[in-house]
């Protein structure tokens, strides 16, 4: 296997694991923060809708500035989101941070 293929497979593996982990841990964490079933369901639904919107929104900068610059920007967004997830116990900030964490899904080549 070439180095590029190995890097792409590794990135896809990490990304898929992260999304699966977030999909399990986020509802549990929101529940621990005091949200009921309806609140958790609403938060997860809003997160999925936000992901769809951001996937569409990220496409334009990727076309304009290139995939590399867009991926670097999205990596920075992921770092900020991770820090928010670690630092807050406010449910709405947790959802915002989780939304920021999954924003990377819209960029091609990751």
N, C-alpha and C. Protein backbone atom coordinates (compact mmCIF):
# COMPACT_ATOMS: atom_id res chain seq x y z
N UNK A 1 0.83 -1.18 0.00
CA UNK A 1 0.00 0.00 0.00
C UNK A 1 0.88 1.25 0.00
N UNK A 2 0.44 2.26 -0.72
CA UNK A 2 1.20 3.50 -0.74
C UNK A 2 0.97 4.27 0.55
N UNK A 3 1.83 5.21 0.79
CA UNK A 3 1.73 6.04 2.00
C UNK A 3 0.42 6.83 2.04
N UNK A 4 -0.01 7.36 0.89
CA UNK A 4 -1.26 8.13 0.83
C UNK A 4 -2.47 7.27 1.17
N UNK A 5 -2.50 6.06 0.63
CA UNK A 5 -3.62 5.16 0.90
C UNK A 5 -3.68 4.81 2.38
N UNK A 6 -2.52 4.55 2.97
CA UNK A 6 -2.45 4.24 4.39
C UNK A 6 -2.93 5.41 5.23
N UNK A 7 -2.53 6.62 4.87
CA UNK A 7 -2.96 7.82 5.60
C UNK A 7 -4.46 8.02 5.49
N UNK A 8 -5.01 7.82 4.31
CA UNK A 8 -6.46 7.97 4.13
C UNK A 8 -7.23 6.94 4.94
N UNK A 9 -6.78 5.69 4.90
CA UNK A 9 -7.44 4.64 5.68
C UNK A 9 -7.35 4.92 7.18
N UNK A 10 -6.22 5.39 7.63
CA UNK A 10 -6.06 5.72 9.06
C UNK A 10 -6.98 6.86 9.45
N UNK A 11 -7.05 7.90 8.62
CA UNK A 11 -7.93 9.03 8.91
C UNK A 11 -9.40 8.61 8.94
N UNK A 12 -9.79 7.79 7.98
CA UNK A 12 -11.18 7.31 7.95
C UNK A 12 -11.50 6.46 9.18
N UNK A 13 -10.55 5.64 9.60
CA UNK A 13 -10.74 4.79 10.77
C UNK A 13 -10.93 5.64 12.02
N UNK A 14 -10.06 6.62 12.22
CA UNK A 14 -10.16 7.49 13.39
C UNK A 14 -11.47 8.27 13.35
N UNK A 15 -11.82 8.80 12.19
CA UNK A 15 -13.05 9.59 12.08
C UNK A 15 -14.28 8.74 12.35
N UNK A 16 -14.34 7.55 11.80
CA UNK A 16 -15.49 6.67 12.01
C UNK A 16 -15.61 6.27 13.47
N UNK A 17 -14.49 5.93 14.10
CA UNK A 17 -14.50 5.59 15.52
C UNK A 17 -14.98 6.78 16.35
N UNK A 18 -14.48 7.98 16.03
CA UNK A 18 -14.87 9.17 16.78
C UNK A 18 -16.36 9.44 16.68
N UNK A 19 -16.93 9.32 15.49
CA UNK A 19 -18.36 9.55 15.34
C UNK A 19 -19.18 8.51 16.10
N UNK A 20 -18.76 7.27 16.04
CA UNK A 20 -19.47 6.23 16.79
C UNK A 20 -19.39 6.46 18.28
N UNK A 21 -18.20 6.81 18.75
CA UNK A 21 -17.99 7.08 20.17
C UNK A 21 -18.82 8.27 20.62
N UNK A 22 -18.81 9.35 19.82
CA UNK A 22 -19.59 10.53 20.14
C UNK A 22 -21.08 10.21 20.15
N UNK A 23 -21.52 9.38 19.22
CA UNK A 23 -22.94 9.01 19.15
C UNK A 23 -23.42 8.24 20.36
N UNK A 24 -22.51 7.57 21.04
CA UNK A 24 -22.87 6.82 22.25
C UNK A 24 -22.67 7.68 23.49
N UNK A 25 -21.55 8.36 23.58
CA UNK A 25 -21.20 9.09 24.80
C UNK A 25 -22.00 10.38 24.94
N UNK A 26 -22.26 11.10 23.85
CA UNK A 26 -22.96 12.38 23.95
C UNK A 26 -24.34 12.24 24.61
N UNK A 27 -25.21 11.33 24.16
CA UNK A 27 -26.50 11.21 24.84
C UNK A 27 -26.36 10.83 26.32
N UNK A 28 -25.41 9.97 26.63
CA UNK A 28 -25.19 9.61 28.04
C UNK A 28 -24.74 10.82 28.85
N UNK A 29 -23.84 11.60 28.29
CA UNK A 29 -23.34 12.79 28.98
C UNK A 29 -24.45 13.82 29.16
N UNK A 30 -25.24 14.04 28.13
CA UNK A 30 -26.35 14.99 28.24
C UNK A 30 -27.36 14.53 29.29
N UNK A 31 -27.59 13.25 29.35
CA UNK A 31 -28.48 12.70 30.37
C UNK A 31 -27.91 12.94 31.77
N UNK A 32 -26.61 12.74 31.93
CA UNK A 32 -25.97 13.02 33.22
C UNK A 32 -26.04 14.49 33.59
N UNK A 33 -26.09 15.37 32.59
CA UNK A 33 -26.20 16.81 32.85
C UNK A 33 -27.62 17.23 33.19
N UNK A 34 -28.56 16.27 33.13
CA UNK A 34 -29.92 16.57 33.55
C UNK A 34 -30.95 16.65 32.44
N UNK A 35 -30.59 16.45 31.20
CA UNK A 35 -31.58 16.46 30.13
C UNK A 35 -32.37 15.16 30.15
N UNK A 36 -33.67 15.28 29.93
CA UNK A 36 -34.52 14.10 29.84
C UNK A 36 -34.46 13.50 28.45
N UNK A 37 -35.22 12.43 28.24
CA UNK A 37 -35.21 11.76 26.92
C UNK A 37 -35.57 12.69 25.76
N UNK A 38 -36.56 13.55 25.95
CA UNK A 38 -36.96 14.48 24.88
C UNK A 38 -35.84 15.48 24.59
N UNK A 39 -35.19 15.97 25.64
CA UNK A 39 -34.09 16.92 25.46
C UNK A 39 -32.90 16.28 24.75
N UNK A 40 -32.56 15.05 25.14
CA UNK A 40 -31.46 14.34 24.50
C UNK A 40 -31.79 14.08 23.04
N UNK A 41 -33.02 13.62 22.78
CA UNK A 41 -33.43 13.37 21.40
C UNK A 41 -33.41 14.63 20.56
N UNK A 42 -33.89 15.73 21.14
CA UNK A 42 -33.86 17.02 20.43
C UNK A 42 -32.44 17.48 20.15
N UNK A 43 -31.56 17.32 21.14
CA UNK A 43 -30.16 17.73 20.95
C UNK A 43 -29.49 16.91 19.85
N UNK A 44 -29.71 15.61 19.86
CA UNK A 44 -29.09 14.75 18.84
C UNK A 44 -29.67 15.08 17.46
N UNK A 45 -30.97 15.33 17.40
CA UNK A 45 -31.60 15.70 16.12
C UNK A 45 -31.02 17.01 15.60
N UNK A 46 -30.89 18.01 16.48
CA UNK A 46 -30.31 19.28 16.06
C UNK A 46 -28.86 19.12 15.63
N UNK A 47 -28.14 18.23 16.30
CA UNK A 47 -26.76 17.98 15.91
C UNK A 47 -26.69 17.39 14.50
N UNK A 48 -27.58 16.45 14.20
CA UNK A 48 -27.59 15.86 12.86
C UNK A 48 -27.98 16.88 11.80
N UNK A 49 -28.97 17.71 12.10
CA UNK A 49 -29.35 18.77 11.15
C UNK A 49 -28.20 19.75 10.95
N UNK A 50 -27.54 20.11 12.05
CA UNK A 50 -26.39 21.00 11.95
C UNK A 50 -25.27 20.41 11.12
N UNK A 51 -25.08 19.10 11.25
CA UNK A 51 -24.06 18.43 10.45
C UNK A 51 -24.37 18.53 8.97
N UNK A 52 -25.63 18.34 8.63
CA UNK A 52 -26.03 18.45 7.22
C UNK A 52 -25.79 19.86 6.69
N UNK A 53 -26.15 20.87 7.49
CA UNK A 53 -25.96 22.26 7.07
C UNK A 53 -24.47 22.59 6.94
N UNK A 54 -23.67 22.16 7.91
CA UNK A 54 -22.24 22.46 7.84
C UNK A 54 -21.54 21.71 6.72
N UNK A 55 -22.01 20.50 6.42
CA UNK A 55 -21.44 19.77 5.30
C UNK A 55 -21.61 20.58 4.02
N UNK A 56 -22.78 21.14 3.84
CA UNK A 56 -23.06 21.96 2.67
C UNK A 56 -22.25 23.26 2.73
N UNK A 57 -22.17 23.88 3.91
CA UNK A 57 -21.48 25.17 4.05
C UNK A 57 -19.97 25.06 3.88
N UNK A 58 -19.38 23.94 4.25
CA UNK A 58 -17.93 23.77 4.16
C UNK A 58 -17.50 23.55 2.71
N UNK A 59 -18.39 23.11 1.92
CA UNK A 59 -18.06 22.82 0.52
C UNK A 59 -17.55 24.05 -0.23
N UNK A 60 -18.19 25.19 -0.02
CA UNK A 60 -17.81 26.41 -0.74
C UNK A 60 -16.39 26.88 -0.40
N UNK A 61 -16.03 27.00 0.89
CA UNK A 61 -14.64 27.38 1.19
C UNK A 61 -13.63 26.35 0.67
N UNK A 62 -13.99 25.08 0.70
CA UNK A 62 -13.07 24.05 0.19
C UNK A 62 -12.82 24.25 -1.30
N UNK A 63 -13.84 24.64 -2.03
CA UNK A 63 -13.67 24.90 -3.46
C UNK A 63 -12.85 26.17 -3.69
N UNK A 64 -13.04 27.16 -2.82
CA UNK A 64 -12.37 28.44 -3.02
C UNK A 64 -10.92 28.43 -2.54
N UNK A 65 -10.68 27.88 -1.34
CA UNK A 65 -9.35 27.94 -0.72
C UNK A 65 -8.56 26.64 -0.83
N UNK A 66 -9.21 25.58 -1.25
CA UNK A 66 -8.54 24.29 -1.36
C UNK A 66 -8.83 23.41 -0.15
N UNK A 67 -8.70 22.12 -0.38
CA UNK A 67 -9.04 21.15 0.66
C UNK A 67 -8.09 21.25 1.86
N UNK A 68 -6.81 21.47 1.61
CA UNK A 68 -5.84 21.52 2.71
C UNK A 68 -6.15 22.66 3.68
N UNK A 69 -6.36 23.86 3.16
CA UNK A 69 -6.65 25.01 4.02
C UNK A 69 -7.96 24.79 4.79
N UNK A 70 -8.94 24.23 4.12
CA UNK A 70 -10.22 23.96 4.78
C UNK A 70 -10.06 22.93 5.88
N UNK A 71 -9.30 21.87 5.63
CA UNK A 71 -9.09 20.84 6.65
C UNK A 71 -8.31 21.38 7.84
N UNK A 72 -7.35 22.27 7.61
CA UNK A 72 -6.61 22.88 8.72
C UNK A 72 -7.57 23.72 9.56
N UNK A 73 -8.43 24.49 8.92
CA UNK A 73 -9.42 25.28 9.65
C UNK A 73 -10.37 24.41 10.44
N UNK A 74 -10.81 23.32 9.84
CA UNK A 74 -11.72 22.41 10.54
C UNK A 74 -11.02 21.67 11.68
N UNK A 75 -9.74 21.41 11.53
CA UNK A 75 -8.98 20.80 12.63
C UNK A 75 -8.92 21.77 13.81
N UNK A 76 -8.73 23.04 13.54
CA UNK A 76 -8.75 24.05 14.60
C UNK A 76 -10.10 24.11 15.29
N UNK A 77 -11.16 24.01 14.50
CA UNK A 77 -12.51 23.98 15.07
C UNK A 77 -12.69 22.75 15.96
N UNK A 78 -12.11 21.63 15.58
CA UNK A 78 -12.19 20.42 16.40
C UNK A 78 -11.46 20.59 17.73
N UNK A 79 -10.33 21.27 17.71
CA UNK A 79 -9.59 21.52 18.96
C UNK A 79 -10.41 22.40 19.90
N UNK A 80 -11.00 23.45 19.36
CA UNK A 80 -11.85 24.33 20.17
C UNK A 80 -13.04 23.54 20.74
N UNK A 81 -13.64 22.72 19.90
CA UNK A 81 -14.78 21.91 20.35
C UNK A 81 -14.37 20.94 21.46
N UNK A 82 -13.21 20.32 21.31
CA UNK A 82 -12.74 19.39 22.33
C UNK A 82 -12.50 20.11 23.65
N UNK A 83 -11.93 21.30 23.60
CA UNK A 83 -11.71 22.07 24.83
C UNK A 83 -13.03 22.45 25.49
N UNK A 84 -14.03 22.82 24.67
CA UNK A 84 -15.36 23.11 25.22
C UNK A 84 -15.97 21.89 25.88
N UNK A 85 -15.84 20.74 25.23
CA UNK A 85 -16.38 19.51 25.80
C UNK A 85 -15.74 19.19 27.15
N UNK A 86 -14.46 19.46 27.27
CA UNK A 86 -13.75 19.17 28.51
C UNK A 86 -14.04 20.19 29.61
N UNK A 87 -14.35 21.43 29.24
CA UNK A 87 -14.43 22.51 30.21
C UNK A 87 -15.83 22.83 30.72
N UNK A 88 -16.87 22.39 30.05
CA UNK A 88 -18.20 22.85 30.42
C UNK A 88 -19.11 21.74 30.91
N UNK A 89 -20.09 22.15 31.70
CA UNK A 89 -21.14 21.24 32.12
C UNK A 89 -22.51 21.79 31.70
N UNK A 90 -22.51 22.84 30.89
CA UNK A 90 -23.74 23.41 30.36
C UNK A 90 -24.19 22.58 29.16
N UNK A 91 -25.42 22.00 29.20
CA UNK A 91 -25.86 21.13 28.10
C UNK A 91 -25.80 21.79 26.72
N UNK A 92 -26.17 23.07 26.61
CA UNK A 92 -26.20 23.69 25.28
C UNK A 92 -24.77 23.87 24.74
N UNK A 93 -23.79 24.12 25.62
CA UNK A 93 -22.41 24.22 25.16
C UNK A 93 -21.86 22.85 24.77
N UNK A 94 -22.30 21.80 25.46
CA UNK A 94 -21.87 20.45 25.10
C UNK A 94 -22.37 20.11 23.69
N UNK A 95 -23.63 20.44 23.42
CA UNK A 95 -24.20 20.19 22.08
C UNK A 95 -23.46 21.01 21.04
N UNK A 96 -23.18 22.28 21.34
CA UNK A 96 -22.44 23.13 20.41
C UNK A 96 -21.05 22.56 20.14
N UNK A 97 -20.38 22.12 21.19
CA UNK A 97 -19.04 21.55 21.02
C UNK A 97 -19.10 20.26 20.22
N UNK A 98 -20.09 19.42 20.49
CA UNK A 98 -20.23 18.17 19.74
C UNK A 98 -20.53 18.48 18.28
N UNK A 99 -21.30 19.51 18.04
CA UNK A 99 -21.60 19.95 16.67
C UNK A 99 -20.31 20.39 15.98
N UNK A 100 -19.49 21.15 16.70
CA UNK A 100 -18.22 21.59 16.13
C UNK A 100 -17.29 20.43 15.86
N UNK A 101 -17.33 19.43 16.71
CA UNK A 101 -16.48 18.25 16.54
C UNK A 101 -16.86 17.49 15.27
N UNK A 102 -18.14 17.44 14.97
CA UNK A 102 -18.55 16.67 13.80
C UNK A 102 -18.59 17.51 12.53
N UNK A 103 -18.23 18.77 12.60
CA UNK A 103 -18.25 19.63 11.41
C UNK A 103 -17.27 19.16 10.35
N UNK A 104 -16.26 18.44 10.76
CA UNK A 104 -15.24 18.00 9.80
C UNK A 104 -15.78 17.08 8.73
N UNK A 105 -16.95 16.55 8.92
CA UNK A 105 -17.48 15.55 7.97
C UNK A 105 -17.69 16.11 6.58
N UNK A 106 -17.78 17.44 6.45
CA UNK A 106 -18.08 18.01 5.15
C UNK A 106 -16.88 18.15 4.22
N UNK A 107 -15.69 18.05 4.73
CA UNK A 107 -14.52 18.28 3.88
C UNK A 107 -14.12 17.00 3.17
N UNK A 108 -13.81 17.14 1.93
CA UNK A 108 -13.37 15.98 1.14
C UNK A 108 -11.91 15.68 1.46
N UNK A 109 -11.54 14.45 1.36
CA UNK A 109 -10.14 14.08 1.48
C UNK A 109 -9.69 13.74 2.88
N UNK A 110 -10.61 13.77 3.87
CA UNK A 110 -10.18 13.40 5.23
C UNK A 110 -10.62 12.00 5.54
